[in-house]
Amino acid sequence: MYITRCNEPVGSYALERARLFAQVTGVQLLWIQAEDFLDDPHFADLSDAEKIQRKLPWMHPRFHARRTGGIPTLLPLCYDLPWRCTYASYGNRQKELKQYGIYNQERCRVRGWELHVADAARMQCNEDAEVILNHLPKKVVVEMELKTFPQFEGLPQ
């Protein structure tokens, strides 16, 4: 049982589970940080240093996803890590995702990724157990647990 103080975000439990998963499997854990550029007119008068300072609380595991529209500020990434796919349940994209058997809250496993050039260069000789990426990955490849869909073009079997 995992008890949090004053209903702290359950996301902190998921982050701890991801950390434990990486330790048990002996793989490096990468952290994808949400990108937000604070380019809203409300922040126009802030300097770049002040914007970075304002963004620092977002990196804390206890920062609640409700304050960011349900988008996690930190997303763990390591091989074979279980994920759940979530997306907005409206619009044309939903139909395309369902065509490939990807439903909201569907379970999957991380099978690979392609990092941004700067992060890839930084990771060449990095042996740290955990690394926070500076950029979003170019792509993340997942394998759905329920394989009731056609193979996506350009991906290995």
Protein backbone atom coordinates (compact mmCIF):
# COMPACT_ATOMS: atom_id res chain seq x y z
CA MET A 1 0.00 0.00 0.00
CA TYR A 2 1.26 3.47 -0.87
CA ILE A 3 -0.20 6.29 1.25
CA THR A 4 0.35 9.90 0.25
CA ARG A 5 0.02 12.96 2.43
CA CYS A 6 -3.14 15.04 1.81
CA ASN A 7 -3.88 13.22 -1.46
CA GLU A 8 -0.53 14.01 -3.07
CA PRO A 9 -0.60 13.16 -6.73
CA VAL A 10 -0.81 9.49 -7.49
CA GLY A 11 1.65 10.28 -10.27
CA SER A 12 4.43 10.28 -7.68
CA TYR A 13 3.64 6.61 -7.05
CA ALA A 14 3.93 5.87 -10.78
CA LEU A 15 7.28 7.66 -10.93
CA GLU A 16 8.59 5.63 -7.99
CA ARG A 17 7.40 2.42 -9.64
CA ALA A 18 9.23 3.38 -12.84
CA ARG A 19 12.40 4.04 -10.84
CA LEU A 20 12.08 0.66 -9.10
CA PHE A 21 11.39 -1.06 -12.46
CA ALA A 22 14.61 0.39 -13.93
CA GLN A 23 16.63 -0.65 -10.86
CA VAL A 24 15.28 -4.20 -10.86
CA THR A 25 15.80 -4.70 -14.61
CA GLY A 26 19.21 -2.99 -14.53
CA VAL A 27 18.51 -0.45 -17.28
CA GLN A 28 19.11 3.27 -17.49
CA LEU A 29 16.05 5.38 -16.73
CA LEU A 30 15.49 8.43 -18.90
CA TRP A 31 13.11 11.19 -17.85
CA ILE A 32 11.22 13.08 -20.54
CA GLN A 33 10.28 16.53 -19.33
CA ALA A 34 7.24 18.29 -20.67
CA GLU A 35 8.01 21.24 -22.89
CA ASP A 36 6.31 24.51 -22.24
CA PHE A 37 7.84 27.73 -23.41
CA LEU A 38 5.94 30.20 -21.23
CA ASP A 39 5.28 32.32 -24.31
CA ASP A 40 1.88 33.37 -22.99
CA PRO A 41 1.43 37.18 -22.87
CA HIS A 42 1.15 36.91 -19.07
CA PHE A 43 4.83 35.90 -18.96
CA ALA A 44 6.12 38.34 -21.60
CA ASP A 45 7.79 40.58 -19.03
CA LEU A 46 9.82 37.71 -17.48
CA SER A 47 13.45 37.18 -18.44
CA ASP A 48 14.65 33.74 -19.59
CA ALA A 49 16.19 33.12 -16.17
CA GLU A 50 12.90 33.99 -14.46
CA LYS A 51 11.01 31.66 -16.83
CA ILE A 52 13.40 28.81 -15.98
CA GLN A 53 12.96 29.55 -12.27
CA ARG A 54 9.19 29.48 -12.70
CA LYS A 55 9.40 26.11 -14.47
CA LEU A 56 11.46 24.44 -11.70
CA PRO A 57 8.42 23.39 -9.57
CA TRP A 58 7.05 21.50 -12.57
CA MET A 59 9.94 19.06 -12.29
CA HIS A 60 8.97 18.00 -8.78
CA PRO A 61 7.25 14.59 -8.70
CA ARG A 62 4.53 15.99 -6.45
CA PHE A 63 3.48 18.64 -8.97
CA HIS A 64 -0.10 17.66 -9.74
CA ALA A 65 -0.97 16.84 -13.37
CA ARG A 66 -4.33 18.59 -12.93
CA ARG A 67 -2.39 21.87 -12.95
CA THR A 68 -1.02 21.00 -16.41
CA GLY A 69 -4.20 19.78 -18.09
CA GLY A 70 -3.46 16.12 -17.27
CA ILE A 71 -0.04 16.16 -18.96
CA PRO A 72 2.66 14.68 -16.72
CA THR A 73 5.60 17.01 -16.21
CA LEU A 74 7.99 14.04 -16.05
CA LEU A 75 7.55 10.86 -18.07
CA PRO A 76 9.80 7.85 -17.40
CA LEU A 77 11.39 6.05 -20.36
CA CYS A 78 13.29 2.76 -20.32
CA TYR A 79 13.11 -0.44 -22.32
CA ASP A 80 10.15 -2.72 -21.57
CA LEU A 81 8.56 -0.19 -19.19
CA PRO A 82 4.77 -0.62 -19.06
CA TRP A 83 2.78 2.43 -20.14
CA ARG A 84 -0.87 3.28 -20.66
CA CYS A 85 -1.86 5.25 -23.74
CA THR A 86 -4.10 8.19 -23.04
CA TYR A 87 -5.41 10.73 -25.48
CA ALA A 88 -8.29 13.14 -25.88
CA SER A 89 -11.45 11.21 -26.69
CA TYR A 90 -12.56 13.50 -29.49
CA GLY A 91 -11.48 14.55 -32.95
CA ASN A 92 -10.21 12.85 -36.09
CA ARG A 93 -7.06 11.50 -34.43
CA GLN A 94 -9.16 9.17 -32.26
CA LYS A 95 -10.50 7.36 -35.32
CA GLU A 96 -6.99 6.87 -36.73
CA LEU A 97 -5.68 5.52 -33.41
CA LYS A 98 -8.56 3.05 -33.09
CA GLN A 99 -7.79 1.85 -36.59
CA TYR A 100 -4.48 0.55 -35.19
CA GLY A 101 -6.06 -0.85 -32.02
CA ILE A 102 -4.93 1.97 -29.76
CA TYR A 103 -7.67 2.80 -27.30
CA ASN A 104 -7.71 5.16 -24.36
CA GLN A 105 -6.07 3.53 -21.30
CA GLU A 106 -4.72 0.69 -23.48
CA ARG A 107 -1.63 -1.00 -22.03
CA CYS A 108 1.64 -1.15 -23.92
CA ARG A 109 5.39 -1.63 -23.43
CA VAL A 110 8.21 0.69 -24.52
CA ARG A 111 10.29 -1.03 -27.21
CA GLY A 112 12.55 1.75 -28.43
CA TRP A 113 13.02 5.45 -29.09
CA GLU A 114 14.90 7.98 -31.14
CA LEU A 115 16.39 10.83 -29.14
CA HIS A 116 16.94 14.43 -30.18
CA VAL A 117 20.44 14.92 -31.66
CA ALA A 118 21.69 16.88 -28.64
CA ASP A 119 20.41 14.28 -26.16
CA ALA A 120 21.78 11.40 -28.26
CA ALA A 121 25.24 12.98 -28.25
CA ARG A 122 25.03 13.55 -24.50
CA MET A 123 24.01 9.92 -23.90
CA GLN A 124 26.96 8.41 -25.87
CA CYS A 125 29.11 7.86 -22.80
CA ASN A 126 26.64 8.55 -20.00
CA GLU A 127 26.52 5.76 -17.39
CA ASP A 128 24.22 7.50 -14.87
CA ALA A 129 21.32 5.43 -13.55
CA GLU A 130 18.87 8.26 -14.29
CA VAL A 131 19.08 11.07 -16.83
CA ILE A 132 16.69 13.95 -17.50
CA LEU A 133 16.47 14.60 -21.24
CA ASN A 134 16.72 18.20 -22.42
CA HIS A 135 14.47 17.66 -25.45
CA LEU A 136 11.48 15.55 -26.32
CA PRO A 137 12.41 12.31 -28.12
CA LYS A 138 11.77 12.34 -31.87
CA LYS A 139 9.75 9.15 -31.47
CA VAL A 140 8.96 6.45 -28.96
CA VAL A 141 8.09 2.95 -30.19
CA VAL A 142 5.62 0.99 -28.09
CA GLU A 143 4.18 -2.50 -28.45
CA MET A 144 0.53 -2.84 -27.57
CA GLU A 145 -0.29 -5.73 -25.23
CA LEU A 146 -3.42 -6.62 -27.21
CA LYS A 147 -2.27 -7.09 -30.79
CA THR A 148 -5.55 -6.77 -32.66
CA PHE A 149 -4.39 -4.29 -35.26
CA PRO A 150 -2.38 -4.12 -38.49
CA GLN A 151 1.39 -3.58 -38.32
CA PHE A 152 2.25 0.13 -38.53
CA GLU A 153 4.25 0.89 -41.68
CA GLY A 154 8.01 1.25 -41.32
CA LEU A 155 8.37 -0.51 -37.95
CA PRO A 156 10.17 -3.81 -37.31
CA GLN A 157 8.17 -6.90 -36.47
